[in-house]
Amino acid sequence: MKAVALPECSLQHAADEAPGVAARLLTLARQAEGAATGATVQTHRYWEAAARTYTYHTHARLPCTDAGRVAAVSDCFFHAAALPQQPWYTQFAGGTVEPVVPAGGAVRACLNVPRFDFGVGKLRSYRQLLTEFCPEPHTHVLVLRSVSAPVPFPPQTVPVYTLSPTGDVLRWADGYLHWHHICTVTGVGLLPLVLERPLMNLLRALRLDSAERRTYREEATGFIAWAQDAAAVEVCRRSIPPAG
């Protein structure tokens, strides 16, 4: 039987696999753009064998004549865990960002620990290595992976985990700003992982995942409303806390 991906890996392992994950995220983004219909938000899912669960891919696009806006949006996403608020995601409840020396061709990296209120009791918290790549002009790929690190989870939160492939692809192409949110998670920590993974897989296989899909669509709708407003993006960018 194939080994199931652990919920956390070492920082070194996450850094080593990040370039390959980034390449895959970009491939998935291009495929989604090639198959896109006229809808501004689309969500698809597919089985991820290595993670033994489903990956959700949400693609949002909006007309944009300013190619430089993708860099500003990427700045906000890279520092998202430290922002006073995430204009595109109201469930965000704060967090921290610690710089990490980038490796493997990455532009920058950090250890981020965001908190979210999913409406299921205690806040949920992630502890992730975030690694950013810029493989081509006007394209930013941000890879996320849950890691074990000497940074504790915030008190009174429940740990949740992101597996590979997880991340965001931000691209400007053909007059559109594209956001691809690709997420591989086993759940939100309502049950022990050994129980939650098979239960969530069953619910997803039976198409009883409407609430999960709705969350991704609402986030994408919030992204469009925010990212199409250059002034709002700049306000968010200026709210990034100074380094150190």
C-alpha atoms as a PDB file:
ATOM      1  CA  MET A   1       0.000   0.000   0.000  1.00  0.00           C
ATOM      2  CA  LYS A   2       1.297   3.441  -0.918  1.00  0.00           C
ATOM      3  CA  ALA A   3       2.342   5.566   2.062  1.00  0.00           C
ATOM      4  CA  VAL A   4      -0.011   8.383   2.982  1.00  0.00           C
ATOM      5  CA  ALA A   5       1.510  11.859   3.038  1.00  0.00           C
ATOM      6  CA  LEU A   6       2.150  13.045   6.576  1.00  0.00           C
ATOM      7  CA  PRO A   7       0.330  16.209   7.655  1.00  0.00           C
ATOM      8  CA  GLU A   8       3.639  17.977   8.292  1.00  0.00           C
ATOM      9  CA  CYS A   9       7.120  17.646   6.837  1.00  0.00           C
ATOM     10  CA  SER A  10      10.432  19.262   7.745  1.00  0.00           C
ATOM     11  CA  LEU A  11      11.304  22.741   6.531  1.00  0.00           C
ATOM     12  CA  GLN A  12      14.102  21.248   4.452  1.00  0.00           C
ATOM     13  CA  HIS A  13      11.800  18.725   2.794  1.00  0.00           C
ATOM     14  CA  ALA A  14       9.253  21.449   2.000  1.00  0.00           C
ATOM     15  CA  ALA A  15      11.982  23.676   0.534  1.00  0.00           C
ATOM     16  CA  ASP A  16      13.357  20.795  -1.552  1.00  0.00           C
ATOM     17  CA  GLU A  17       9.990  19.876  -3.043  1.00  0.00           C
ATOM     18  CA  ALA A  18       8.799  23.461  -3.596  1.00  0.00           C
ATOM     19  CA  PRO A  19      10.299  23.946  -7.115  1.00  0.00           C
ATOM     20  CA  GLY A  20       8.601  20.805  -8.385  1.00  0.00           C
ATOM     21  CA  VAL A  21       5.305  21.746  -6.754  1.00  0.00           C
ATOM     22  CA  ALA A  22       5.548  25.242  -8.246  1.00  0.00           C
ATOM     23  CA  ALA A  23       6.010  23.778 -11.721  1.00  0.00           C
ATOM     24  CA  ARG A  24       2.992  21.563 -11.241  1.00  0.00           C
ATOM     25  CA  LEU A  25       0.837  24.423  -9.946  1.00  0.00           C
ATOM     26  CA  LEU A  26       1.725  26.475 -13.008  1.00  0.00           C
ATOM     27  CA  THR A  27       0.875  23.561 -15.304  1.00  0.00           C
ATOM     28  CA  LEU A  28      -2.505  23.158 -13.605  1.00  0.00           C
ATOM     29  CA  ALA A  29      -3.122  26.901 -13.974  1.00  0.00           C
ATOM     30  CA  ARG A  30      -2.366  26.876 -17.685  1.00  0.00           C
ATOM     31  CA  GLN A  31      -4.587  23.853 -18.217  1.00  0.00           C
ATOM     32  CA  ALA A  32      -7.462  25.530 -16.387  1.00  0.00           C
ATOM     33  CA  GLU A  33      -7.073  28.710 -18.416  1.00  0.00           C
ATOM     34  CA  GLY A  34      -7.065  26.719 -21.636  1.00  0.00           C
ATOM     35  CA  ALA A  35     -10.280  24.965 -20.662  1.00  0.00           C
ATOM     36  CA  ALA A  36     -12.000  28.008 -19.159  1.00  0.00           C
ATOM     37  CA  THR A  37     -15.571  28.867 -20.094  1.00  0.00           C
ATOM     38  CA  GLY A  38     -17.041  32.348 -19.869  1.00  0.00           C
ATOM     39  CA  ALA A  39     -17.524  32.045 -16.099  1.00  0.00           C
ATOM     40  CA  THR A  40     -15.464  34.382 -13.927  1.00  0.00           C
ATOM     41  CA  VAL A  41     -15.154  31.756 -11.168  1.00  0.00           C
ATOM     42  CA  GLN A  42     -14.769  28.021 -11.677  1.00  0.00           C
ATOM     43  CA  THR A  43     -14.001  25.309  -9.124  1.00  0.00           C
ATOM     44  CA  HIS A  44     -12.825  21.830 -10.035  1.00  0.00           C
ATOM     45  CA  ARG A  45     -11.534  18.948  -7.979  1.00  0.00           C
ATOM     46  CA  TYR A  46      -9.476  15.869  -8.683  1.00  0.00           C
ATOM     47  CA  TRP A  47      -8.022  12.957  -6.777  1.00  0.00           C
ATOM     48  CA  GLU A  48      -4.458  13.496  -5.554  1.00  0.00           C
ATOM     49  CA  ALA A  49      -2.930  10.033  -5.156  1.00  0.00           C
ATOM     50  CA  ALA A  50       0.126  11.092  -3.137  1.00  0.00           C
ATOM     51  CA  ALA A  51      -2.003  12.914  -0.575  1.00  0.00           C
ATOM     52  CA  ARG A  52      -4.760  10.287  -0.672  1.00  0.00           C
ATOM     53  CA  THR A  53      -7.413  12.972  -0.796  1.00  0.00           C
ATOM     54  CA  TYR A  54      -8.908  15.504  -3.191  1.00  0.00           C
ATOM     55  CA  THR A  55      -7.373  18.699  -4.494  1.00  0.00           C
ATOM     56  CA  TYR A  56      -9.649  21.684  -5.145  1.00  0.00           C
ATOM     57  CA  HIS A  57      -8.730  24.158  -7.864  1.00  0.00           C
ATOM     58  CA  THR A  58     -10.563  27.477  -8.012  1.00  0.00           C
ATOM     59  CA  HIS A  59      -9.862  29.773 -10.946  1.00  0.00           C
ATOM     60  CA  ALA A  60     -10.945  33.428 -10.820  1.00  0.00           C
ATOM     61  CA  ARG A  61     -10.279  35.888 -13.617  1.00  0.00           C
ATOM     62  CA  LEU A  62     -11.036  39.548 -14.155  1.00  0.00           C
ATOM     63  CA  PRO A  63     -10.302  42.017 -16.957  1.00  0.00           C
ATOM     64  CA  CYS A  64      -7.182  44.010 -16.136  1.00  0.00           C
ATOM     65  CA  THR A  65      -5.143  46.320 -18.356  1.00  0.00           C
ATOM     66  CA  ASP A  66      -2.428  46.868 -15.724  1.00  0.00           C
ATOM     67  CA  ALA A  67       0.068  44.012 -15.880  1.00  0.00           C
ATOM     68  CA  GLY A  68       1.877  45.421 -12.848  1.00  0.00           C
ATOM     69  CA  ARG A  69      -1.081  44.782 -10.592  1.00  0.00           C
ATOM     70  CA  VAL A  70      -0.207  41.103 -10.364  1.00  0.00           C
ATOM     71  CA  ALA A  71       3.005  42.000  -8.477  1.00  0.00           C
ATOM     72  CA  ALA A  72       1.078  44.153  -6.006  1.00  0.00           C
ATOM     73  CA  VAL A  73      -1.472  41.386  -5.438  1.00  0.00           C
ATOM     74  CA  SER A  74       1.330  38.857  -4.998  1.00  0.00           C
ATOM     75  CA  ASP A  75       2.936  41.079  -2.347  1.00  0.00           C
ATOM     76  CA  CYS A  76      -0.322  41.049  -0.413  1.00  0.00           C
ATOM     77  CA  PHE A  77      -0.626  37.282  -0.743  1.00  0.00           C
ATOM     78  CA  PHE A  78       2.962  36.652   0.339  1.00  0.00           C
ATOM     79  CA  HIS A  79       2.407  38.696   3.517  1.00  0.00           C
ATOM     80  CA  ALA A  80      -1.232  37.633   3.907  1.00  0.00           C
ATOM     81  CA  ALA A  81      -0.759  35.994   7.316  1.00  0.00           C
ATOM     82  CA  ALA A  82       0.533  39.276   8.793  1.00  0.00           C
ATOM     83  CA  LEU A  83      -2.064  41.622   7.309  1.00  0.00           C
ATOM     84  CA  PRO A  84      -4.541  43.419   9.581  1.00  0.00           C
ATOM     85  CA  GLN A  85      -7.214  41.813   7.411  1.00  0.00           C
ATOM     86  CA  GLN A  86      -7.477  39.913   4.150  1.00  0.00           C
ATOM     87  CA  PRO A  87      -9.900  41.906   1.980  1.00  0.00           C
ATOM     88  CA  TRP A  88     -10.654  38.818  -0.125  1.00  0.00           C
ATOM     89  CA  TYR A  89     -11.320  36.462   2.815  1.00  0.00           C
ATOM     90  CA  THR A  90     -13.425  37.516   5.786  1.00  0.00           C
ATOM     91  CA  GLN A  91     -12.688  34.349   7.787  1.00  0.00           C
ATOM     92  CA  PHE A  92      -9.079  35.446   8.354  1.00  0.00           C
ATOM     93  CA  ALA A  93      -8.396  36.175  12.039  1.00  0.00           C
ATOM     94  CA  GLY A  94      -4.746  37.263  12.088  1.00  0.00           C
ATOM     95  CA  GLY A  95      -1.359  35.622  12.022  1.00  0.00           C
ATOM     96  CA  THR A  96       2.398  36.010  11.716  1.00  0.00           C
ATOM     97  CA  VAL A  97       5.105  35.856   9.047  1.00  0.00           C
ATOM     98  CA  GLU A  98       8.792  35.062   9.655  1.00  0.00           C
ATOM     99  CA  PRO A  99      11.301  35.394   6.785  1.00  0.00           C
ATOM    100  CA  VAL A 100      13.150  32.269   5.663  1.00  0.00           C
ATOM    101  CA  VAL A 101      16.202  32.181   3.381  1.00  0.00           C
ATOM    102  CA  PRO A 102      14.866  31.172  -0.062  1.00  0.00           C
ATOM    103  CA  ALA A 103      16.381  28.216  -1.893  1.00  0.00           C
ATOM    104  CA  GLY A 104      15.932  26.262  -5.106  1.00  0.00           C
ATOM    105  CA  GLY A 105      15.475  29.306  -7.320  1.00  0.00           C
ATOM    106  CA  ALA A 106      12.783  30.854  -5.114  1.00  0.00           C
ATOM    107  CA  VAL A 107      12.398  34.626  -5.033  1.00  0.00           C
ATOM    108  CA  ARG A 108      11.504  34.705  -1.335  1.00  0.00           C
ATOM    109  CA  ALA A 109      10.217  32.446   1.404  1.00  0.00           C
ATOM    110  CA  CYS A 110       8.684  32.709   4.837  1.00  0.00           C
ATOM    111  CA  LEU A 111       7.184  30.682   7.631  1.00  0.00           C
ATOM    112  CA  ASN A 112       3.604  31.818   8.020  1.00  0.00           C
ATOM    113  CA  VAL A 113       1.117  30.979  10.753  1.00  0.00           C
ATOM    114  CA  PRO A 114      -2.357  32.318   9.899  1.00  0.00           C
ATOM    115  CA  ARG A 115      -5.529  31.837  11.947  1.00  0.00           C
ATOM    116  CA  PHE A 116      -9.027  31.444  10.545  1.00  0.00           C
ATOM    117  CA  ASP A 117     -12.538  31.343  11.928  1.00  0.00           C
ATOM    118  CA  PHE A 118     -14.351  28.602  10.035  1.00  0.00           C
ATOM    119  CA  GLY A 119     -17.390  28.775  12.300  1.00  0.00           C
ATOM    120  CA  VAL A 120     -16.699  25.391  13.911  1.00  0.00           C
ATOM    121  CA  GLY A 121     -15.752  26.477  17.418  1.00  0.00           C
ATOM    122  CA  LYS A 122     -12.089  27.256  18.055  1.00  0.00           C
ATOM    123  CA  LEU A 123      -9.986  29.110  15.513  1.00  0.00           C
ATOM    124  CA  ARG A 124      -8.011  26.947  13.106  1.00  0.00           C
ATOM    125  CA  SER A 125      -4.316  27.605  12.492  1.00  0.00           C
ATOM    126  CA  TYR A 126      -1.830  26.585   9.809  1.00  0.00           C
ATOM    127  CA  ARG A 127       1.963  26.486  10.120  1.00  0.00           C
ATOM    128  CA  GLN A 128       3.353  26.572   6.596  1.00  0.00           C
ATOM    129  CA  LEU A 129       6.410  27.237   4.531  1.00  0.00           C
ATOM    130  CA  LEU A 130       5.453  29.724   1.837  1.00  0.00           C
ATOM    131  CA  THR A 131       7.826  29.827  -1.127  1.00  0.00           C
ATOM    132  CA  GLU A 132       7.431  32.224  -4.058  1.00  0.00           C
ATOM    133  CA  PHE A 133       8.664  31.681  -7.613  1.00  0.00           C
ATOM    134  CA  CYS A 134       8.492  33.964 -10.659  1.00  0.00           C
ATOM    135  CA  PRO A 135       9.019  31.565 -13.568  1.00  0.00           C
ATOM    136  CA  GLU A 136       7.980  34.028 -16.290  1.00  0.00           C
ATOM    137  CA  PRO A 137       6.980  37.695 -16.653  1.00  0.00           C
ATOM    138  CA  HIS A 138       3.840  38.713 -14.757  1.00  0.00           C
ATOM    139  CA  THR A 139       3.557  35.292 -13.105  1.00  0.00           C
ATOM    140  CA  HIS A 140       3.928  34.556  -9.412  1.00  0.00           C
ATOM    141  CA  VAL A 141       3.613  31.048  -7.949  1.00  0.00           C
ATOM    142  CA  LEU A 142       3.285  30.716  -4.185  1.00  0.00           C
ATOM    143  CA  VAL A 143       3.744  27.213  -2.784  1.00  0.00           C
ATOM    144  CA  LEU A 144       2.340  26.301   0.637  1.00  0.00           C
ATOM    145  CA  ARG A 145       3.180  23.233   2.723  1.00  0.00           C
ATOM    146  CA  SER A 146       2.538  22.468   6.394  1.00  0.00           C
ATOM    147  CA  VAL A 147       5.813  22.003   8.240  1.00  0.00           C
ATOM    148  CA  SER A 148       7.161  21.044  11.626  1.00  0.00           C
ATOM    149  CA  ALA A 149       9.151  24.013  12.904  1.00  0.00           C
ATOM    150  CA  PRO A 150      10.240  25.588  16.215  1.00  0.00           C
ATOM    151  CA  VAL A 151       7.300  27.989  16.038  1.00  0.00           C
ATOM    152  CA  PRO A 152       4.321  26.973  18.161  1.00  0.00           C
ATOM    153  CA  PHE A 153       0.744  27.053  16.997  1.00  0.00           C
ATOM    154  CA  PRO A 154      -1.137  29.964  18.585  1.00  0.00           C
ATOM    155  CA  PRO A 155      -2.859  29.093  21.856  1.00  0.00           C
ATOM    156  CA  GLN A 156      -6.545  28.219  21.740  1.00  0.00           C
ATOM    157  CA  THR A 157      -6.349  27.137  18.102  1.00  0.00           C
ATOM    158  CA  VAL A 158      -6.730  23.762  16.409  1.00  0.00           C
ATOM    159  CA  PRO A 159      -3.941  22.818  13.944  1.00  0.00           C
ATOM    160  CA  VAL A 160      -4.945  22.073  10.370  1.00  0.00           C
ATOM    161  CA  TYR A 161      -2.675  21.084   7.519  1.00  0.00           C
ATOM    162  CA  THR A 162      -1.995  21.704   3.831  1.00  0.00           C
ATOM    163  CA  LEU A 163      -0.494  18.936   1.726  1.00  0.00           C
ATOM    164  CA  SER A 164       1.063  19.175  -1.722  1.00  0.00           C
ATOM    165  CA  PRO A 165      -0.007  20.496  -4.156  1.00  0.00           C
ATOM    166  CA  THR A 166      -1.255  23.631  -2.400  1.00  0.00           C
ATOM    167  CA  GLY A 167      -0.644  27.226  -3.373  1.00  0.00           C
ATOM    168  CA  ASP A 168      -1.651  30.199  -5.468  1.00  0.00           C
ATOM    169  CA  VAL A 169      -0.805  31.120  -9.030  1.00  0.00           C
ATOM    170  CA  LEU A 170      -1.221  34.781  -9.966  1.00  0.00           C
ATOM    171  CA  ARG A 171      -0.859  35.582 -13.657  1.00  0.00           C
ATOM    172  CA  TRP A 172      -1.533  38.423 -16.041  1.00  0.00           C
ATOM    173  CA  ALA A 173      -2.269  37.118 -19.520  1.00  0.00           C
ATOM    174  CA  ASP A 174      -4.287  38.300 -22.521  1.00  0.00           C
ATOM    175  CA  GLY A 175      -5.741  41.258 -20.646  1.00  0.00           C
ATOM    176  CA  TYR A 176      -6.876  39.233 -17.633  1.00  0.00           C
ATOM    177  CA  LEU A 177      -5.628  38.892 -14.094  1.00  0.00           C
ATOM    178  CA  HIS A 178      -5.922  35.217 -13.184  1.00  0.00           C
ATOM    179  CA  TRP A 179      -5.917  33.781  -9.681  1.00  0.00           C
ATOM    180  CA  HIS A 180      -5.637  30.042  -9.200  1.00  0.00           C
ATOM    181  CA  HIS A 181      -6.196  28.834  -5.642  1.00  0.00           C
ATOM    182  CA  ILE A 182      -5.156  25.183  -5.479  1.00  0.00           C
ATOM    183  CA  CYS A 183      -5.763  23.536  -2.126  1.00  0.00           C
ATOM    184  CA  THR A 184      -5.145  20.021  -0.821  1.00  0.00           C
ATOM    185  CA  VAL A 185      -6.418  19.527   2.725  1.00  0.00           C
ATOM    186  CA  THR A 186      -7.844  16.586   4.631  1.00  0.00           C
ATOM    187  CA  GLY A 187     -10.341  18.651   6.648  1.00  0.00           C
ATOM    188  CA  VAL A 188     -10.542  21.317   9.332  1.00  0.00           C
ATOM    189  CA  GLY A 189      -9.546  19.359  12.415  1.00  0.00           C
ATOM    190  CA  LEU A 190     -12.987  18.294  13.591  1.00  0.00           C
ATOM    191  CA  LEU A 191     -11.743  14.726  14.051  1.00  0.00           C
ATOM    192  CA  PRO A 192      -8.351  13.018  14.416  1.00  0.00           C
ATOM    193  CA  LEU A 193      -6.626  12.863  11.023  1.00  0.00           C
ATOM    194  CA  VAL A 194      -6.902   9.077  10.801  1.00  0.00           C
ATOM    195  CA  LEU A 195     -10.700   9.453  10.941  1.00  0.00           C
ATOM    196  CA  GLU A 196     -11.207  12.781   9.221  1.00  0.00           C
ATOM    197  CA  ARG A 197      -9.377  11.912   6.005  1.00  0.00           C
ATOM    198  CA  PRO A 198     -11.587   8.912   5.071  1.00  0.00           C
ATOM    199  CA  LEU A 199     -14.750  10.704   6.184  1.00  0.00           C
ATOM    200  CA  MET A 200     -13.978  13.789   4.106  1.00  0.00           C
ATOM    201  CA  ASN A 201     -13.009  11.618   1.150  1.00  0.00           C
ATOM    202  CA  LEU A 202     -16.366   9.845   1.360  1.00  0.00           C
ATOM    203  CA  LEU A 203     -18.323  13.105   1.558  1.00  0.00           C
ATOM    204  CA  ARG A 204     -16.387  14.508  -1.385  1.00  0.00           C
ATOM    205  CA  ALA A 205     -16.804  11.339  -3.452  1.00  0.00           C
ATOM    206  CA  LEU A 206     -20.565  11.451  -2.829  1.00  0.00           C
ATOM    207  CA  ARG A 207     -20.675  15.123  -3.888  1.00  0.00           C
ATOM    208  CA  LEU A 208     -21.702  16.169  -0.376  1.00  0.00           C
ATOM    209  CA  ASP A 209     -19.036  18.885  -0.404  1.00  0.00           C
ATOM    210  CA  SER A 210     -21.239  21.832  -1.388  1.00  0.00           C
ATOM    211  CA  ALA A 211     -20.254  23.838   1.711  1.00  0.00           C
ATOM    212  CA  GLU A 212     -16.566  23.337   0.939  1.00  0.00           C
ATOM    213  CA  ARG A 213     -17.024  24.371  -2.680  1.00  0.00           C
ATOM    214  CA  ARG A 214     -19.071  27.400  -1.613  1.00  0.00           C
ATOM    215  CA  THR A 215     -16.221  28.571   0.623  1.00  0.00           C
ATOM    216  CA  TYR A 216     -13.805  28.522  -2.307  1.00  0.00           C
ATOM    217  CA  ARG A 217     -16.255  30.334  -4.593  1.00  0.00           C
ATOM    218  CA  GLU A 218     -16.984  33.016  -2.006  1.00  0.00           C
ATOM    219  CA  GLU A 219     -13.273  33.594  -1.523  1.00  0.00           C
ATOM    220  CA  ALA A 220     -12.819  33.921  -5.288  1.00  0.00           C
ATOM    221  CA  THR A 221     -15.709  36.371  -5.515  1.00  0.00           C
ATOM    222  CA  GLY A 222     -14.114  38.412  -2.736  1.00  0.00           C
ATOM    223  CA  PHE A 223     -10.825  38.320  -4.587  1.00  0.00           C
ATOM    224  CA  ILE A 224     -12.393  39.705  -7.768  1.00  0.00           C
ATOM    225  CA  ALA A 225     -14.144  42.520  -5.905  1.00  0.00           C
ATOM    226  CA  TRP A 226     -10.861  43.489  -4.250  1.00  0.00           C
ATOM    227  CA  ALA A 227      -8.314  42.911  -7.036  1.00  0.00           C
ATOM    228  CA  GLN A 228     -10.250  44.855  -9.667  1.00  0.00           C
ATOM    229  CA  ASP A 229      -9.892  47.993  -7.527  1.00  0.00           C
ATOM    230  CA  ALA A 230      -6.312  49.268  -7.905  1.00  0.00           C
ATOM    231  CA  ALA A 231      -6.736  51.667  -4.975  1.00  0.00           C
ATOM    232  CA  ALA A 232      -7.952  48.878  -2.688  1.00  0.00           C
ATOM    233  CA  VAL A 233      -4.983  46.703  -3.655  1.00  0.00           C
ATOM    234  CA  GLU A 234      -2.587  49.551  -2.893  1.00  0.00           C
ATOM    235  CA  VAL A 235      -4.229  50.191   0.493  1.00  0.00           C
ATOM    236  CA  CYS A 236      -3.749  46.520   1.332  1.00  0.00           C
ATOM    237  CA  ARG A 237      -0.160  46.601   0.122  1.00  0.00           C
ATOM    238  CA  ARG A 238       0.613  49.609   2.326  1.00  0.00           C
ATOM    239  CA  SER A 239      -0.816  47.751   5.323  1.00  0.00           C
ATOM    240  CA  ILE A 240       1.905  45.084   5.129  1.00  0.00           C
ATOM    241  CA  PRO A 241       3.850  45.328   8.414  1.00  0.00           C
ATOM    242  CA  PRO A 242       7.498  46.379   8.057  1.00  0.00           C
ATOM    243  CA  ALA A 243      10.011  43.529   8.029  1.00  0.00           C
ATOM    244  CA  GLY A 244      11.549  42.674  11.379  1.00  0.00           C
END
